[in-house]
Amino acid sequence: MSGGANTSAASHATSSATQMGGTTAGATALAVDQGLARFATFETVVELIRTHRDVKLLVDVENGVRLISYQPGRITFAPTPNAPADLAQKLGSRLQAWTGNRWAISIEAEGGTETIAEKRDAADLALKAEASAHPLVQAVFDAFPDAKIVNIKTMKDLETTVAGEALAEVEDEWDPFDED
């Protein structure tokens, strides 16, 4: 939907509200709702932050927001202990600047889902837990109590690496001893 279509719909709603003897407040709310309709999920908000390349805000949101509830124009979250104190204010002002609509950002002391970073890192943590439970790794930890698992390469990772490093097969090989 283009911006012209949004303006047309908003002006139509305004004239309809005025003709019915109502105020334009309802029409303004309709226009705001239509402006925020493209942000149906919190993921679209995160994608908007990525699109504007605000890396600091993106890292703060991915690591510091435990989402409690989301509606277009309204975000409620519980901040993690390492979240910046001004995250809600910064997020609200940037979203308002980018969308042209005011956003209500609310903070609650506790609750919420995992952060985006926690969800993303869950697979790595599960892989480390599985590796730690292996008897050979346990033996290493017994022999070296300060040892840590730093990097894990799965068979799939190794296959991908080998496939990328392998030389391409040559169709017509040149043989120096072959006589033409």
Protein backbone atom coordinates (compact mmCIF):
# COMPACT_ATOMS: atom_id res chain seq x y z
CA MET A 1 0.00 0.00 0.00
CA SER A 2 1.49 3.36 -0.95
CA GLY A 3 1.61 6.50 1.17
CA GLY A 4 -0.97 8.11 -1.15
CA ALA A 5 -3.44 5.33 -0.40
CA ASN A 6 -2.96 5.87 3.34
CA THR A 7 -3.58 9.60 2.94
CA SER A 8 -6.65 8.98 0.82
CA ALA A 9 -8.09 6.51 3.36
CA ALA A 10 -7.37 8.90 6.22
CA SER A 11 -8.98 11.86 4.44
CA HIS A 12 -12.00 9.71 3.53
CA ALA A 13 -12.31 8.67 7.18
CA THR A 14 -11.99 12.32 8.23
CA SER A 15 -14.71 13.49 5.85
CA SER A 16 -16.98 10.58 6.86
CA ALA A 17 -16.55 11.38 10.54
CA THR A 18 -17.22 15.06 9.91
CA GLN A 19 -20.31 14.34 7.79
CA MET A 20 -21.71 12.15 10.55
CA GLY A 21 -21.40 15.04 12.96
CA GLY A 22 -18.43 13.47 14.76
CA THR A 23 -14.99 14.83 15.37
CA THR A 24 -11.87 13.97 13.49
CA ALA A 25 -10.29 12.36 16.58
CA GLY A 26 -11.60 8.94 15.55
CA ALA A 27 -10.33 9.47 12.03
CA THR A 28 -6.92 10.49 13.38
CA ALA A 29 -6.81 7.30 15.45
CA LEU A 30 -7.71 5.32 12.33
CA ALA A 31 -4.87 6.96 10.39
CA VAL A 32 -2.43 6.19 13.22
CA ASP A 33 -3.61 2.56 13.34
CA GLN A 34 -3.13 2.26 9.58
CA GLY A 35 0.35 3.78 9.88
CA LEU A 36 1.31 1.21 12.50
CA ALA A 37 -0.40 -1.74 10.78
CA ARG A 38 2.81 -2.71 9.01
CA PHE A 39 4.38 -3.36 12.43
CA ALA A 40 2.13 -6.29 13.31
CA THR A 41 4.83 -8.13 15.29
CA PHE A 42 7.76 -7.17 17.47
CA GLU A 43 10.05 -8.84 14.91
CA THR A 44 9.04 -6.20 12.35
CA VAL A 45 10.09 -3.52 14.84
CA VAL A 46 13.48 -5.21 15.25
CA GLU A 47 13.77 -5.38 11.45
CA LEU A 48 13.02 -1.63 11.29
CA ILE A 49 15.92 -1.01 13.69
CA ARG A 50 18.16 -3.15 11.45
CA THR A 51 16.99 -1.26 8.35
CA HIS A 52 18.00 2.04 9.94
CA ARG A 53 21.36 0.52 10.94
CA ASP A 54 21.17 1.67 14.53
CA VAL A 55 23.57 -0.98 15.81
CA LYS A 56 23.72 0.29 19.40
CA LEU A 57 19.93 0.25 19.75
CA LEU A 58 19.71 -3.15 18.01
CA VAL A 59 22.23 -4.70 20.43
CA ASP A 60 20.45 -3.10 23.40
CA VAL A 61 17.05 -4.44 22.23
CA GLU A 62 18.39 -7.93 21.42
CA ASN A 63 20.17 -8.25 24.77
CA GLY A 64 18.08 -6.09 27.10
CA VAL A 65 14.39 -6.58 26.24
CA ARG A 66 12.32 -9.39 27.73
CA LEU A 67 9.10 -8.79 25.82
CA ILE A 68 5.92 -8.97 27.93
CA SER A 69 3.37 -7.71 25.42
CA TYR A 70 3.30 -6.12 22.01
CA GLN A 71 0.69 -4.31 19.95
CA PRO A 72 1.50 -1.95 17.10
CA GLY A 73 2.41 1.29 18.85
CA ARG A 74 2.67 -0.29 22.33
CA ILE A 75 5.58 -2.28 23.74
CA THR A 76 5.80 -3.58 27.29
CA PHE A 77 9.00 -5.24 28.44
CA ALA A 78 11.07 -6.16 31.47
CA PRO A 79 14.67 -4.99 31.10
CA THR A 80 17.53 -7.38 31.78
CA PRO A 81 20.03 -6.34 34.47
CA ASN A 82 22.52 -5.17 31.82
CA ALA A 83 19.97 -3.10 29.82
CA PRO A 84 20.66 0.63 29.63
CA ALA A 85 18.50 2.73 31.95
CA ASP A 86 17.30 4.91 29.06
CA LEU A 87 16.40 2.01 26.72
CA ALA A 88 12.62 2.63 26.80
CA GLN A 89 13.02 6.35 26.14
CA LYS A 90 15.56 5.78 23.36
CA LEU A 91 13.45 3.05 21.71
CA GLY A 92 10.28 5.16 21.85
CA SER A 93 11.91 8.28 20.40
CA ARG A 94 13.63 6.40 17.56
CA LEU A 95 10.44 4.52 16.64
CA GLN A 96 8.48 7.77 16.64
CA ALA A 97 11.09 9.42 14.41
CA TRP A 98 11.12 6.49 11.97
CA THR A 99 7.37 5.81 11.81
CA GLY A 100 5.90 9.27 12.40
CA ASN A 101 3.66 7.82 15.14
CA ARG A 102 4.00 8.02 18.89
CA TRP A 103 4.90 4.72 20.58
CA ALA A 104 4.02 3.85 24.18
CA ILE A 105 6.96 1.97 25.71
CA SER A 106 6.26 0.57 29.20
CA ILE A 107 8.65 -1.12 31.59
CA GLU A 108 7.73 -3.73 34.17
CA ALA A 109 10.04 -5.06 36.88
CA GLU A 110 9.78 -8.73 36.00
CA GLY A 111 8.34 -11.20 33.56
CA GLY A 112 8.63 -11.43 29.83
CA THR A 113 10.04 -13.94 27.38
CA GLU A 114 13.65 -14.72 26.63
CA THR A 115 15.61 -11.97 24.95
CA ILE A 116 16.37 -12.27 21.26
CA ALA A 117 20.00 -13.00 22.13
CA GLU A 118 19.02 -15.75 24.59
CA LYS A 119 16.84 -17.41 21.95
CA ARG A 120 19.61 -17.16 19.37
CA ASP A 121 22.24 -18.55 21.75
CA ALA A 122 20.03 -21.38 23.09
CA ALA A 123 21.23 -23.81 20.40
CA ASP A 124 24.89 -23.10 21.23
CA LEU A 125 24.25 -23.52 24.96
CA ALA A 126 22.46 -26.84 24.34
CA LEU A 127 25.37 -28.03 22.20
CA LYS A 128 27.85 -27.07 24.95
CA ALA A 129 25.75 -28.89 27.56
CA GLU A 130 25.66 -32.00 25.37
CA ALA A 131 29.42 -31.85 24.83
CA SER A 132 30.06 -31.33 28.56
CA ALA A 133 28.12 -34.50 29.35
CA HIS A 134 30.30 -36.64 27.06
CA PRO A 135 32.59 -39.01 29.03
CA LEU A 136 35.77 -37.93 27.20
CA VAL A 137 35.06 -34.27 27.87
CA GLN A 138 34.34 -35.12 31.52
CA ALA A 139 37.74 -36.83 31.70
CA VAL A 140 39.41 -33.69 30.33
CA PHE A 141 37.58 -31.55 32.90
CA ASP A 142 38.68 -33.96 35.66
CA ALA A 143 42.31 -33.70 34.54
CA PHE A 144 42.12 -29.93 33.88
CA PRO A 145 39.53 -28.37 36.23
CA ASP A 146 39.96 -24.86 34.78
CA ALA A 147 39.33 -26.01 31.20
CA LYS A 148 36.49 -24.40 29.27
CA ILE A 149 34.67 -25.32 26.10
CA VAL A 150 35.47 -22.50 23.73
CA ASN A 151 34.37 -23.76 20.33
CA ILE A 152 32.40 -26.75 19.11
CA LYS A 153 32.43 -27.95 15.53
CA THR A 154 29.73 -30.38 14.56
CA MET A 155 30.09 -32.87 11.73
CA LYS A 156 27.90 -30.61 9.61
CA ASP A 157 30.26 -27.66 10.28
CA LEU A 158 33.26 -29.78 9.31
CA GLU A 159 31.57 -31.03 6.12
CA THR A 160 30.73 -27.46 5.14
CA THR A 161 34.31 -26.32 5.78
CA VAL A 162 35.81 -29.22 3.83
CA ALA A 163 33.41 -28.71 0.93
CA GLY A 164 34.34 -25.02 0.78
CA GLU A 165 38.08 -25.72 0.86
CA ALA A 166 38.10 -28.64 -1.56
CA LEU A 167 39.46 -28.05 -5.01
CA ALA A 168 36.97 -28.12 -7.80
CA GLU A 169 37.07 -31.25 -9.89
CA VAL A 170 38.65 -30.72 -13.29
CA GLU A 171 36.74 -32.18 -16.20
CA ASP A 172 39.56 -32.47 -18.71
CA GLU A 173 42.85 -33.08 -16.94
CA TRP A 174 46.08 -32.33 -18.71
CA ASP A 175 48.57 -35.14 -18.65
CA PRO A 176 52.16 -34.04 -19.42
CA PHE A 177 53.05 -37.54 -20.62
CA ASP A 178 50.07 -37.83 -22.92
CA GLU A 179 50.97 -37.35 -26.54
CA ASP A 180 48.60 -35.41 -28.68
